[in-house]
Amino acid sequence: MLANNPFVNITSSMDDKVVDRTEEKVQLQMYINDVINGGGVVILEGKPGIGKSTLMNLVLKDLQKSQKLDIQKYYFTPSVYNALRSLNVKTNTRTLIIIDDLNNMEMLDKGSQAKVIQLLGSISKKFGIVIIENRDEGVQPSLEKLGETSEKMVLGGLKKDDMRQMIINRLSLVSTKPNSGLEPFTESEFEKIYKKSNGNPRIALLICSALYDQKMMSVI
């Protein structure tokens, strides 16, 4: 029983695809469309596990269907600085650069951080950049000091109906028949899960995983 816990994977998966944050996806896609042609920076900010990278991937999937883009995606490590300095872009193709986990920049000293910001500002004059990070202040004030403008989108938690659907989707993975309810969870337990997680998918899945194991142990 315990091996079949559908909540063990606490990152969003394709099984959560119905939870597609339609409003947020449209807003982010509008911001990105604005910078694809003339350059600029879009900042996607939110708490760890809130679904920033998942949302970005949904938007990229739609963008690639509608237009030809050279999408270069990086997870920030100190070596990314050198990679960005020697960007290899395709000719006659618009380039979009995605930098995930920019908050990892804090592992660098202040001087190195300043160099990264300056490089991003320079690149954004020609190419569209999307920065994904989880710091409240983040990179935006530093870019503004350089005279660079940016659009920032702060991603909040899932709406209650979306979280309900996410949990039902996961439960259906181990159900022998179509599952449209929260069983073995009760409505009261769902309300507690939503309240404790504050809409954060990763925290909700952690809670669900522990609760599911408890329920399965009681059945054995």
N, C-alpha and C. Protein backbone atom coordinates (compact mmCIF):
# COMPACT_ATOMS: atom_id res chain seq x y z
N MET A 1 0.82 -1.21 0.00
CA MET A 1 0.00 0.00 0.00
C MET A 1 0.85 1.26 0.00
N LEU A 2 1.85 1.31 0.95
CA LEU A 2 2.61 2.54 1.11
C LEU A 2 3.41 2.87 -0.14
N ALA A 3 3.82 1.82 -0.87
CA ALA A 3 4.61 2.07 -2.08
C ALA A 3 3.79 2.78 -3.14
N ASN A 4 2.45 2.74 -3.01
CA ASN A 4 1.59 3.35 -4.02
C ASN A 4 1.16 4.77 -3.65
N ASN A 5 1.82 5.37 -2.68
CA ASN A 5 1.47 6.72 -2.27
C ASN A 5 1.63 7.67 -3.47
N PRO A 6 0.55 8.26 -3.97
CA PRO A 6 0.64 9.11 -5.16
C PRO A 6 1.17 10.51 -4.88
N PHE A 7 1.46 10.80 -3.61
CA PHE A 7 1.93 12.14 -3.24
C PHE A 7 3.42 12.18 -2.93
N VAL A 8 4.11 11.04 -3.16
CA VAL A 8 5.54 10.99 -2.85
C VAL A 8 6.31 12.03 -3.66
N ASN A 9 5.96 12.16 -4.93
CA ASN A 9 6.59 13.18 -5.76
C ASN A 9 5.96 14.53 -5.43
N ILE A 10 6.73 15.42 -4.76
CA ILE A 10 6.15 16.68 -4.29
C ILE A 10 6.31 17.81 -5.30
N THR A 11 6.88 17.51 -6.46
CA THR A 11 6.95 18.51 -7.51
C THR A 11 5.77 18.31 -8.45
N SER A 12 5.36 19.39 -9.11
CA SER A 12 4.24 19.30 -10.04
C SER A 12 4.60 18.38 -11.19
N SER A 13 3.63 17.64 -11.66
CA SER A 13 3.85 16.71 -12.76
C SER A 13 2.79 16.91 -13.83
N MET A 14 2.93 16.20 -14.94
CA MET A 14 1.95 16.29 -16.01
C MET A 14 0.57 15.81 -15.54
N ASP A 15 0.55 15.02 -14.47
CA ASP A 15 -0.73 14.58 -13.92
C ASP A 15 -1.48 15.73 -13.26
N ASP A 16 -0.79 16.85 -13.03
CA ASP A 16 -1.42 18.03 -12.45
C ASP A 16 -1.79 19.05 -13.54
N LYS A 17 -1.79 18.62 -14.80
CA LYS A 17 -1.92 19.55 -15.91
C LYS A 17 -3.22 20.33 -15.91
N VAL A 18 -4.29 19.79 -15.30
CA VAL A 18 -5.55 20.52 -15.29
C VAL A 18 -5.44 21.79 -14.46
N VAL A 19 -4.48 21.79 -13.52
CA VAL A 19 -4.26 22.97 -12.68
C VAL A 19 -3.31 23.89 -13.44
N ASP A 20 -3.86 24.56 -14.43
CA ASP A 20 -2.97 25.28 -15.35
C ASP A 20 -2.92 26.79 -15.11
N ARG A 21 -3.53 27.29 -14.02
CA ARG A 21 -3.42 28.71 -13.66
C ARG A 21 -3.69 29.60 -14.87
N THR A 22 -4.85 29.49 -15.45
CA THR A 22 -5.15 30.16 -16.71
C THR A 22 -4.87 31.66 -16.66
N GLU A 23 -5.36 32.34 -15.63
CA GLU A 23 -5.18 33.79 -15.55
C GLU A 23 -3.71 34.16 -15.45
N GLU A 24 -2.97 33.45 -14.60
CA GLU A 24 -1.56 33.75 -14.42
C GLU A 24 -0.77 33.46 -15.70
N LYS A 25 -1.17 32.39 -16.39
CA LYS A 25 -0.48 32.02 -17.63
C LYS A 25 -0.65 33.11 -18.69
N VAL A 26 -1.86 33.64 -18.81
CA VAL A 26 -2.11 34.70 -19.79
C VAL A 26 -1.30 35.95 -19.44
N GLN A 27 -1.26 36.31 -18.17
CA GLN A 27 -0.52 37.50 -17.76
C GLN A 27 0.97 37.36 -18.05
N LEU A 28 1.54 36.21 -17.69
CA LEU A 28 2.97 35.99 -17.92
C LEU A 28 3.28 35.97 -19.41
N GLN A 29 2.41 35.36 -20.20
CA GLN A 29 2.65 35.30 -21.64
C GLN A 29 2.61 36.70 -22.26
N MET A 30 1.74 37.56 -21.75
CA MET A 30 1.69 38.94 -22.26
C MET A 30 2.99 39.67 -21.95
N TYR A 31 3.50 39.51 -20.74
CA TYR A 31 4.77 40.14 -20.37
C TYR A 31 5.90 39.66 -21.28
N ILE A 32 5.93 38.34 -21.51
CA ILE A 32 7.02 37.77 -22.31
C ILE A 32 6.91 38.22 -23.76
N ASN A 33 5.71 38.28 -24.30
CA ASN A 33 5.54 38.75 -25.68
C ASN A 33 6.08 40.17 -25.85
N ASP A 34 5.94 40.99 -24.80
CA ASP A 34 6.42 42.37 -24.87
C ASP A 34 7.94 42.45 -24.99
N VAL A 35 8.67 41.47 -24.39
CA VAL A 35 10.14 41.57 -24.39
C VAL A 35 10.78 40.73 -25.49
N ILE A 36 10.03 39.84 -26.11
CA ILE A 36 10.62 38.98 -27.14
C ILE A 36 11.15 39.79 -28.31
N ASN A 37 10.42 40.81 -28.71
CA ASN A 37 10.81 41.55 -29.91
C ASN A 37 11.90 42.58 -29.64
N GLY A 38 11.75 43.38 -28.59
CA GLY A 38 12.70 44.47 -28.39
C GLY A 38 13.63 44.33 -27.22
N GLY A 39 13.58 43.21 -26.50
CA GLY A 39 14.43 43.03 -25.33
C GLY A 39 13.73 43.54 -24.07
N GLY A 40 14.27 43.17 -22.94
CA GLY A 40 13.71 43.56 -21.67
C GLY A 40 13.72 42.41 -20.69
N VAL A 41 13.26 42.68 -19.47
CA VAL A 41 13.32 41.68 -18.40
C VAL A 41 11.93 41.45 -17.80
N VAL A 42 11.57 40.20 -17.63
CA VAL A 42 10.37 39.81 -16.90
C VAL A 42 10.83 39.02 -15.68
N ILE A 43 10.35 39.39 -14.50
CA ILE A 43 10.73 38.70 -13.27
C ILE A 43 9.52 37.94 -12.74
N LEU A 44 9.69 36.64 -12.57
CA LEU A 44 8.64 35.80 -11.99
C LEU A 44 9.09 35.42 -10.58
N GLU A 45 8.37 35.93 -9.60
CA GLU A 45 8.79 35.77 -8.20
C GLU A 45 7.73 35.00 -7.42
N GLY A 46 8.16 34.26 -6.43
CA GLY A 46 7.22 33.52 -5.59
C GLY A 46 7.96 32.62 -4.63
N LYS A 47 7.26 32.16 -3.61
CA LYS A 47 7.88 31.32 -2.59
C LYS A 47 8.31 29.98 -3.18
N PRO A 48 9.30 29.32 -2.56
CA PRO A 48 9.72 28.00 -3.04
C PRO A 48 8.53 27.03 -3.08
N GLY A 49 8.40 26.29 -4.18
CA GLY A 49 7.34 25.30 -4.31
C GLY A 49 6.01 25.84 -4.75
N ILE A 50 5.90 27.14 -5.02
CA ILE A 50 4.61 27.74 -5.35
C ILE A 50 4.18 27.42 -6.78
N GLY A 51 5.15 27.01 -7.64
CA GLY A 51 4.80 26.61 -9.01
C GLY A 51 5.34 27.53 -10.09
N LYS A 52 6.40 28.29 -9.79
CA LYS A 52 6.95 29.24 -10.77
C LYS A 52 7.48 28.54 -12.02
N SER A 53 8.32 27.53 -11.82
CA SER A 53 8.92 26.83 -12.96
C SER A 53 7.86 26.08 -13.76
N THR A 54 6.87 25.52 -13.05
CA THR A 54 5.78 24.81 -13.74
C THR A 54 5.00 25.77 -14.63
N LEU A 55 4.68 26.95 -14.09
CA LEU A 55 3.96 27.95 -14.87
C LEU A 55 4.78 28.38 -16.07
N MET A 56 6.07 28.59 -15.86
CA MET A 56 6.94 29.01 -16.95
C MET A 56 6.95 27.95 -18.05
N ASN A 57 7.02 26.70 -17.69
CA ASN A 57 7.03 25.63 -18.69
C ASN A 57 5.73 25.57 -19.48
N LEU A 58 4.60 25.83 -18.81
CA LEU A 58 3.32 25.86 -19.51
C LEU A 58 3.29 26.98 -20.55
N VAL A 59 3.81 28.15 -20.16
CA VAL A 59 3.84 29.29 -21.08
C VAL A 59 4.77 29.02 -22.25
N LEU A 60 5.94 28.45 -21.97
CA LEU A 60 6.89 28.16 -23.04
C LEU A 60 6.31 27.18 -24.04
N LYS A 61 5.56 26.22 -23.54
CA LYS A 61 4.93 25.24 -24.43
C LYS A 61 3.99 25.92 -25.41
N ASP A 62 3.20 26.87 -24.91
CA ASP A 62 2.28 27.61 -25.77
C ASP A 62 3.03 28.52 -26.74
N LEU A 63 4.08 29.18 -26.25
CA LEU A 63 4.86 30.08 -27.11
C LEU A 63 5.49 29.33 -28.27
N GLN A 64 6.01 28.15 -27.99
CA GLN A 64 6.67 27.38 -29.04
C GLN A 64 5.69 26.87 -30.09
N LYS A 65 4.43 26.75 -29.71
CA LYS A 65 3.41 26.35 -30.68
C LYS A 65 3.08 27.48 -31.64
N SER A 66 3.15 28.73 -31.13
CA SER A 66 2.66 29.87 -31.90
C SER A 66 3.74 30.63 -32.65
N GLN A 67 4.99 30.46 -32.27
CA GLN A 67 6.05 31.22 -32.94
C GLN A 67 7.39 30.51 -32.82
N LYS A 68 8.30 30.88 -33.73
CA LYS A 68 9.62 30.27 -33.74
C LYS A 68 10.53 31.03 -32.79
N LEU A 69 11.00 30.33 -31.76
CA LEU A 69 11.83 30.96 -30.74
C LEU A 69 13.05 30.09 -30.44
N ASP A 70 14.17 30.75 -30.20
CA ASP A 70 15.35 30.08 -29.67
C ASP A 70 15.31 30.31 -28.16
N ILE A 71 14.88 29.29 -27.43
CA ILE A 71 14.74 29.41 -25.98
C ILE A 71 15.97 28.79 -25.31
N GLN A 72 16.68 29.60 -24.55
CA GLN A 72 17.86 29.14 -23.82
C GLN A 72 17.56 29.22 -22.33
N LYS A 73 17.58 28.07 -21.67
CA LYS A 73 17.20 28.02 -20.26
C LYS A 73 18.39 27.62 -19.41
N TYR A 74 18.59 28.37 -18.32
CA TYR A 74 19.69 28.11 -17.40
C TYR A 74 19.15 28.05 -15.97
N TYR A 75 19.71 27.12 -15.17
CA TYR A 75 19.51 27.14 -13.72
C TYR A 75 20.75 27.79 -13.14
N PHE A 76 20.56 28.84 -12.35
CA PHE A 76 21.71 29.65 -11.98
C PHE A 76 22.70 28.92 -11.08
N THR A 77 23.93 28.89 -11.55
CA THR A 77 25.10 28.48 -10.79
C THR A 77 26.20 29.48 -11.16
N PRO A 78 27.30 29.53 -10.42
CA PRO A 78 28.37 30.47 -10.76
C PRO A 78 28.86 30.36 -12.20
N SER A 79 28.79 29.16 -12.78
CA SER A 79 29.29 28.97 -14.15
C SER A 79 28.37 29.60 -15.20
N VAL A 80 27.13 29.93 -14.82
CA VAL A 80 26.19 30.51 -15.77
C VAL A 80 26.69 31.87 -16.26
N TYR A 81 27.41 32.59 -15.42
CA TYR A 81 27.93 33.91 -15.81
C TYR A 81 28.75 33.80 -17.09
N ASN A 82 29.67 32.84 -17.14
CA ASN A 82 30.50 32.68 -18.34
C ASN A 82 29.67 32.23 -19.53
N ALA A 83 28.68 31.40 -19.28
CA ALA A 83 27.82 30.95 -20.38
C ALA A 83 27.06 32.13 -20.98
N LEU A 84 26.60 33.04 -20.14
CA LEU A 84 25.86 34.20 -20.63
C LEU A 84 26.78 35.18 -21.35
N ARG A 85 28.02 35.25 -20.93
CA ARG A 85 28.98 36.16 -21.59
C ARG A 85 29.25 35.73 -23.02
N SER A 86 29.13 34.44 -23.27
CA SER A 86 29.43 33.92 -24.62
C SER A 86 28.19 33.29 -25.24
N LEU A 87 27.09 34.01 -25.17
CA LEU A 87 25.84 33.50 -25.73
C LEU A 87 25.99 33.13 -27.20
N ASN A 88 25.48 31.99 -27.56
CA ASN A 88 25.48 31.55 -28.95
C ASN A 88 24.04 31.56 -29.43
N VAL A 89 23.66 32.61 -30.14
CA VAL A 89 22.26 32.74 -30.56
C VAL A 89 22.13 32.42 -32.05
N LYS A 90 20.96 31.92 -32.39
CA LYS A 90 20.68 31.58 -33.79
C LYS A 90 20.34 32.85 -34.57
N THR A 91 20.82 32.91 -35.78
CA THR A 91 20.51 34.05 -36.62
C THR A 91 19.09 33.94 -37.16
N ASN A 92 18.47 35.09 -37.39
CA ASN A 92 17.11 35.17 -37.94
C ASN A 92 16.06 34.46 -37.07
N THR A 93 16.37 34.32 -35.80
CA THR A 93 15.43 33.72 -34.85
C THR A 93 15.44 34.54 -33.56
N ARG A 94 14.26 34.84 -33.07
CA ARG A 94 14.18 35.58 -31.82
C ARG A 94 14.60 34.71 -30.65
N THR A 95 15.33 35.29 -29.73
CA THR A 95 15.89 34.55 -28.60
C THR A 95 15.23 34.96 -27.30
N LEU A 96 14.87 33.97 -26.50
CA LEU A 96 14.35 34.21 -25.16
C LEU A 96 15.22 33.45 -24.18
N ILE A 97 15.72 34.15 -23.18
CA ILE A 97 16.62 33.56 -22.20
C ILE A 97 15.88 33.40 -20.87
N ILE A 98 15.87 32.20 -20.34
CA ILE A 98 15.23 31.91 -19.07
C ILE A 98 16.31 31.61 -18.04
N ILE A 99 16.29 32.31 -16.92
CA ILE A 99 17.25 32.05 -15.84
C ILE A 99 16.47 31.69 -14.59
N ASP A 100 16.49 30.41 -14.25
CA ASP A 100 15.74 29.91 -13.09
C ASP A 100 16.65 29.91 -11.86
N ASP A 101 16.02 30.04 -10.70
CA ASP A 101 16.74 30.01 -9.41
C ASP A 101 17.82 31.09 -9.33
N LEU A 102 17.51 32.30 -9.77
CA LEU A 102 18.50 33.37 -9.68
C LEU A 102 18.85 33.67 -8.22
N ASN A 103 17.98 33.28 -7.29
CA ASN A 103 18.29 33.48 -5.88
C ASN A 103 19.58 32.78 -5.47
N ASN A 104 20.01 31.78 -6.25
CA ASN A 104 21.30 31.12 -5.97
C ASN A 104 22.48 32.06 -6.13
N MET A 105 22.24 33.22 -6.75
CA MET A 105 23.29 34.21 -6.91
C MET A 105 23.86 34.66 -5.56
N GLU A 106 23.09 34.46 -4.49
CA GLU A 106 23.53 34.88 -3.17
C GLU A 106 24.73 34.09 -2.67
N MET A 107 25.08 33.01 -3.35
CA MET A 107 26.28 32.26 -2.97
C MET A 107 27.55 33.01 -3.42
N LEU A 108 27.38 34.02 -4.26
CA LEU A 108 28.51 34.81 -4.75
C LEU A 108 28.78 35.99 -3.83
N ASP A 109 29.99 36.53 -3.91
CA ASP A 109 30.27 37.75 -3.16
C ASP A 109 29.59 38.94 -3.84
N LYS A 110 29.53 40.07 -3.14
CA LYS A 110 28.80 41.24 -3.63
C LYS A 110 29.33 41.72 -4.98
N GLY A 111 30.65 41.71 -5.14
CA GLY A 111 31.23 42.16 -6.40
C GLY A 111 30.81 41.28 -7.57
N SER A 112 30.81 39.98 -7.35
CA SER A 112 30.40 39.05 -8.42
C SER A 112 28.91 39.18 -8.72
N GLN A 113 28.10 39.41 -7.67
CA GLN A 113 26.68 39.62 -7.90
C GLN A 113 26.44 40.85 -8.77
N ALA A 114 27.19 41.91 -8.51
CA ALA A 114 27.05 43.13 -9.30
C ALA A 114 27.39 42.88 -10.76
N LYS A 115 28.40 42.05 -11.01
CA LYS A 115 28.78 41.74 -12.38
C LYS A 115 27.67 40.97 -13.09
N VAL A 116 27.02 40.06 -12.37
CA VAL A 116 25.92 39.30 -12.96
C VAL A 116 24.78 40.24 -13.34
N ILE A 117 24.45 41.17 -12.43
CA ILE A 117 23.36 42.11 -12.70
C ILE A 117 23.69 42.99 -13.91
N GLN A 118 24.91 43.46 -13.96
CA GLN A 118 25.31 44.30 -15.10
C GLN A 118 25.23 43.53 -16.41
N LEU A 119 25.63 42.27 -16.38
CA LEU A 119 25.57 41.44 -17.58
C LEU A 119 24.13 41.22 -18.02
N LEU A 120 23.25 40.95 -17.06
CA LEU A 120 21.84 40.77 -17.39
C LEU A 120 21.25 42.03 -18.00
N GLY A 121 21.63 43.18 -17.41
CA GLY A 121 21.14 44.44 -17.95
C GLY A 121 21.60 44.67 -19.38
N SER A 122 22.85 44.31 -19.64
CA SER A 122 23.40 44.48 -20.99
C SER A 122 22.71 43.56 -21.99
N ILE A 123 22.52 42.31 -21.61
CA ILE A 123 21.88 41.34 -22.50
C ILE A 123 20.43 41.73 -22.80
N SER A 124 19.76 42.27 -21.78
CA SER A 124 18.33 42.59 -21.93
C SER A 124 18.08 43.72 -22.92
N LYS A 125 19.12 44.46 -23.29
CA LYS A 125 18.95 45.51 -24.29
C LYS A 125 18.68 44.93 -25.67
N LYS A 126 19.04 43.66 -25.84
CA LYS A 126 18.90 43.03 -27.15
C LYS A 126 17.93 41.84 -27.14
N PHE A 127 17.91 41.11 -26.02
CA PHE A 127 17.11 39.89 -25.95
C PHE A 127 16.12 39.96 -24.79
N GLY A 128 15.06 39.18 -24.90
CA GLY A 128 14.12 39.05 -23.80
C GLY A 128 14.67 38.09 -22.76
N ILE A 129 14.55 38.47 -21.49
CA ILE A 129 15.03 37.63 -20.39
C ILE A 129 13.89 37.41 -19.41
N VAL A 130 13.72 36.18 -18.96
CA VAL A 130 12.80 35.88 -17.86
C VAL A 130 13.63 35.37 -16.69
N ILE A 131 13.50 36.04 -15.55
CA ILE A 131 14.23 35.66 -14.34
C ILE A 131 13.23 35.06 -13.35
N ILE A 132 13.56 33.89 -12.83
CA ILE A 132 12.71 33.22 -11.86
C ILE A 132 13.46 33.16 -10.53
N GLU A 133 12.85 33.69 -9.48
CA GLU A 133 13.53 33.70 -8.18
C GLU A 133 12.51 33.73 -7.04
N ASN A 134 13.00 33.51 -5.82
CA ASN A 134 12.08 33.45 -4.69
C ASN A 134 12.39 34.48 -3.60
N ARG A 135 13.17 35.50 -3.92
CA ARG A 135 13.48 36.54 -2.93
C ARG A 135 12.44 37.66 -3.01
N ASP A 136 12.04 38.19 -1.84
CA ASP A 136 11.02 39.23 -1.81
C ASP A 136 11.47 40.49 -2.55
N GLU A 137 12.66 40.97 -2.24
CA GLU A 137 13.18 42.15 -2.95
C GLU A 137 13.69 41.74 -4.32
N GLY A 138 14.55 40.75 -4.32
CA GLY A 138 15.01 40.19 -5.58
C GLY A 138 15.88 41.12 -6.39
N VAL A 139 15.93 40.83 -7.67
CA VAL A 139 16.86 41.49 -8.56
C VAL A 139 16.34 42.81 -9.11
N GLN A 140 15.05 43.06 -9.00
CA GLN A 140 14.47 44.24 -9.63
C GLN A 140 15.09 45.56 -9.17
N PRO A 141 15.29 45.81 -7.85
CA PRO A 141 15.91 47.08 -7.44
C PRO A 141 17.31 47.28 -8.03
N SER A 142 18.08 46.20 -8.13
CA SER A 142 19.43 46.30 -8.69
C SER A 142 19.38 46.66 -10.17
N LEU A 143 18.43 46.09 -10.90
CA LEU A 143 18.28 46.43 -12.32
C LEU A 143 17.85 47.89 -12.49
N GLU A 144 16.97 48.34 -11.61
CA GLU A 144 16.50 49.73 -11.69
C GLU A 144 17.63 50.72 -11.43
N LYS A 145 18.56 50.37 -10.57
CA LYS A 145 19.72 51.24 -10.31
C LYS A 145 20.58 51.39 -11.56
N LEU A 146 20.54 50.36 -12.41
CA LEU A 146 21.28 50.42 -13.67
C LEU A 146 20.48 51.14 -14.76
N GLY A 147 19.26 51.53 -14.42
CA GLY A 147 18.41 52.20 -15.39
C GLY A 147 17.63 51.25 -16.26
N GLU A 148 17.61 49.95 -15.88
CA GLU A 148 16.88 48.95 -16.66
C GLU A 148 15.46 48.80 -16.10
N THR A 149 14.49 48.80 -16.97
CA THR A 149 13.10 48.60 -16.54
C THR A 149 12.75 47.11 -16.64
N SER A 150 11.83 46.69 -15.81
CA SER A 150 11.42 45.28 -15.83
C SER A 150 9.98 45.17 -15.37
N GLU A 151 9.35 44.09 -15.77
CA GLU A 151 8.01 43.75 -15.31
C GLU A 151 8.13 42.63 -14.30
N LYS A 152 7.45 42.78 -13.16
CA LYS A 152 7.51 41.72 -12.15
C LYS A 152 6.13 41.13 -11.91
N MET A 153 6.09 39.82 -11.88
CA MET A 153 4.86 39.11 -11.58
C MET A 153 5.11 38.24 -10.35
N VAL A 154 4.31 38.43 -9.30
CA VAL A 154 4.44 37.65 -8.08
C VAL A 154 3.38 36.55 -8.09
N LEU A 155 3.84 35.30 -8.06
CA LEU A 155 2.93 34.17 -8.13
C LEU A 155 2.50 33.75 -6.72
N GLY A 156 1.19 33.73 -6.50
CA GLY A 156 0.66 33.32 -5.21
C GLY A 156 0.27 31.86 -5.21
N GLY A 157 -0.40 31.44 -4.14
CA GLY A 157 -0.79 30.04 -4.01
C GLY A 157 -1.95 29.67 -4.92
N LEU A 158 -2.21 28.38 -5.01
CA LEU A 158 -3.33 27.88 -5.81
C LEU A 158 -4.65 28.29 -5.18
N LYS A 159 -5.64 28.50 -6.02
CA LYS A 159 -6.99 28.68 -5.52
C LYS A 159 -7.47 27.34 -4.97
N LYS A 160 -8.45 27.41 -4.08
CA LYS A 160 -8.91 26.19 -3.40
C LYS A 160 -9.41 25.13 -4.38
N ASP A 161 -10.16 25.54 -5.40
CA ASP A 161 -10.68 24.57 -6.37
C ASP A 161 -9.55 23.91 -7.15
N ASP A 162 -8.49 24.68 -7.45
CA ASP A 162 -7.36 24.12 -8.18
C ASP A 162 -6.61 23.11 -7.31
N MET A 163 -6.46 23.43 -6.02
CA MET A 163 -5.77 22.48 -5.13
C MET A 163 -6.59 21.21 -4.97
N ARG A 164 -7.90 21.36 -4.86
CA ARG A 164 -8.76 20.18 -4.77
C ARG A 164 -8.54 19.29 -6.00
N GLN A 165 -8.51 19.91 -7.19
CA GLN A 165 -8.34 19.13 -8.41
C GLN A 165 -6.97 18.47 -8.45
N MET A 166 -5.93 19.16 -7.96
CA MET A 166 -4.59 18.59 -7.93
C MET A 166 -4.58 17.32 -7.08
N ILE A 167 -5.22 17.38 -5.91
CA ILE A 167 -5.26 16.22 -5.01
C ILE A 167 -6.06 15.08 -5.64
N ILE A 168 -7.20 15.40 -6.25
CA ILE A 168 -8.01 14.37 -6.91
C ILE A 168 -7.23 13.71 -8.04
N ASN A 169 -6.51 14.52 -8.80
CA ASN A 169 -5.69 13.97 -9.90
C ASN A 169 -4.69 12.95 -9.38
N ARG A 170 -4.02 13.31 -8.27
CA ARG A 170 -3.03 12.40 -7.70
C ARG A 170 -3.68 11.11 -7.19
N LEU A 171 -4.81 11.24 -6.53
CA LEU A 171 -5.51 10.07 -6.01
C LEU A 171 -5.96 9.14 -7.13
N SER A 172 -6.31 9.73 -8.27
CA SER A 172 -6.78 8.90 -9.39
C SER A 172 -5.67 8.00 -9.94
N LEU A 173 -4.41 8.33 -9.65
CA LEU A 173 -3.28 7.52 -10.13
C LEU A 173 -3.26 6.14 -9.49
N VAL A 174 -3.84 6.02 -8.29
CA VAL A 174 -3.82 4.74 -7.60
C VAL A 174 -5.22 4.17 -7.41
N SER A 175 -6.18 4.77 -8.11
CA SER A 175 -7.56 4.31 -7.99
C SER A 175 -7.87 3.30 -9.09
N THR A 176 -8.64 2.29 -8.75
CA THR A 176 -9.00 1.26 -9.74
C THR A 176 -10.22 1.67 -10.56
N LYS A 177 -10.85 2.78 -10.18
CA LYS A 177 -12.00 3.29 -10.91
C LYS A 177 -11.91 4.80 -11.00
N PRO A 178 -12.62 5.44 -11.94
CA PRO A 178 -12.56 6.90 -12.06
C PRO A 178 -12.81 7.58 -10.72
N ASN A 179 -11.92 8.51 -10.39
CA ASN A 179 -11.98 9.14 -9.08
C ASN A 179 -12.34 10.61 -9.23
N SER A 180 -13.44 11.01 -8.61
CA SER A 180 -13.84 12.41 -8.69
C SER A 180 -13.94 13.05 -7.31
N GLY A 181 -13.59 12.26 -6.28
CA GLY A 181 -13.68 12.78 -4.92
C GLY A 181 -12.34 12.75 -4.21
N LEU A 182 -12.34 13.15 -2.95
CA LEU A 182 -11.12 13.28 -2.17
C LEU A 182 -10.79 12.03 -1.35
N GLU A 183 -11.64 11.00 -1.41
CA GLU A 183 -11.41 9.80 -0.62
C GLU A 183 -9.99 9.25 -0.88
N PRO A 184 -9.25 8.89 0.17
CA PRO A 184 -9.66 8.67 1.56
C PRO A 184 -9.64 9.92 2.45
N PHE A 185 -9.38 11.10 1.89
CA PHE A 185 -9.40 12.32 2.70
C PHE A 185 -10.83 12.81 2.88
N THR A 186 -11.08 13.45 4.00
CA THR A 186 -12.39 14.04 4.25
C THR A 186 -12.36 15.52 3.87
N GLU A 187 -13.53 16.12 3.78
CA GLU A 187 -13.61 17.55 3.48
C GLU A 187 -12.92 18.37 4.57
N SER A 188 -13.08 17.94 5.80
CA SER A 188 -12.44 18.64 6.92
C SER A 188 -10.92 18.58 6.79
N GLU A 189 -10.41 17.42 6.40
CA GLU A 189 -8.96 17.28 6.22
C GLU A 189 -8.47 18.13 5.06
N PHE A 190 -9.26 18.18 3.99
CA PHE A 190 -8.88 19.02 2.86
C PHE A 190 -8.79 20.49 3.28
N GLU A 191 -9.75 20.96 4.05
CA GLU A 191 -9.74 22.34 4.50
C GLU A 191 -8.48 22.63 5.32
N LYS A 192 -8.08 21.67 6.15
CA LYS A 192 -6.87 21.85 6.95
C LYS A 192 -5.62 21.86 6.07
N ILE A 193 -5.60 20.99 5.06
CA ILE A 193 -4.47 20.94 4.13
C ILE A 193 -4.32 22.28 3.42
N TYR A 194 -5.45 22.81 2.96
CA TYR A 194 -5.39 24.08 2.23
C TYR A 194 -4.94 25.21 3.15
N LYS A 195 -5.46 25.23 4.36
CA LYS A 195 -5.12 26.30 5.29
C LYS A 195 -3.65 26.23 5.69
N LYS A 196 -3.16 25.04 6.00
CA LYS A 196 -1.77 24.89 6.43
C LYS A 196 -0.79 25.19 5.30
N SER A 197 -1.15 24.83 4.09
CA SER A 197 -0.25 25.04 2.94
C SER A 197 -0.33 26.45 2.39
N ASN A 198 -1.41 27.16 2.73
CA ASN A 198 -1.63 28.51 2.19
C ASN A 198 -1.61 28.50 0.66
N GLY A 199 -2.08 27.40 0.09
CA GLY A 199 -2.15 27.30 -1.37
C GLY A 199 -0.86 26.88 -2.04
N ASN A 200 0.20 26.60 -1.27
CA ASN A 200 1.48 26.20 -1.85
C ASN A 200 1.41 24.72 -2.24
N PRO A 201 1.52 24.39 -3.53
CA PRO A 201 1.37 23.00 -3.97
C PRO A 201 2.36 22.05 -3.32
N ARG A 202 3.61 22.46 -3.18
CA ARG A 202 4.64 21.57 -2.63
C ARG A 202 4.34 21.22 -1.17
N ILE A 203 3.96 22.23 -0.39
CA ILE A 203 3.64 21.98 1.01
C ILE A 203 2.39 21.10 1.12
N ALA A 204 1.39 21.37 0.27
CA ALA A 204 0.17 20.57 0.29
C ALA A 204 0.47 19.11 -0.02
N LEU A 205 1.34 18.87 -1.00
CA LEU A 205 1.68 17.49 -1.37
C LEU A 205 2.45 16.79 -0.25
N LEU A 206 3.28 17.53 0.46
CA LEU A 206 3.99 16.95 1.62
C LEU A 206 2.99 16.52 2.70
N ILE A 207 2.03 17.39 2.98
CA ILE A 207 1.02 17.07 3.99
C ILE A 207 0.19 15.87 3.54
N CYS A 208 -0.21 15.88 2.27
CA CYS A 208 -1.02 14.78 1.74
C CYS A 208 -0.26 13.46 1.80
N SER A 209 1.03 13.50 1.52
CA SER A 209 1.84 12.28 1.53
C SER A 209 1.84 11.65 2.92
N ALA A 210 2.08 12.47 3.95
CA ALA A 210 2.11 11.95 5.32
C ALA A 210 0.73 11.45 5.74
N LEU A 211 -0.30 12.21 5.40
CA LEU A 211 -1.66 11.83 5.79
C LEU A 211 -2.10 10.56 5.07
N TYR A 212 -1.73 10.42 3.80
CA TYR A 212 -2.09 9.23 3.03
C TYR A 212 -1.46 7.99 3.65
N ASP A 213 -0.18 8.10 4.04
CA ASP A 213 0.50 6.96 4.67
C ASP A 213 -0.20 6.56 5.97
N GLN A 214 -0.60 7.56 6.74
CA GLN A 214 -1.29 7.26 8.00
C GLN A 214 -2.59 6.50 7.74
N LYS A 215 -3.32 6.93 6.74
CA LYS A 215 -4.59 6.28 6.43
C LYS A 215 -4.39 4.86 5.92
N MET A 216 -3.37 4.66 5.11
CA MET A 216 -3.11 3.33 4.57
C MET A 216 -2.62 2.38 5.67
N MET A 217 -1.86 2.91 6.63
CA MET A 217 -1.39 2.08 7.75
C MET A 217 -2.57 1.60 8.59
N SER A 218 -3.57 2.45 8.73
CA SER A 218 -4.72 2.09 9.55
C SER A 218 -5.58 1.02 8.88
N VAL A 219 -5.42 0.88 7.55
CA VAL A 219 -6.20 -0.11 6.80
C VAL A 219 -5.55 -1.49 6.90
N ILE A 220 -4.20 -1.48 7.01
CA ILE A 220 -3.49 -2.76 7.03
C ILE A 220 -3.81 -3.56 8.31
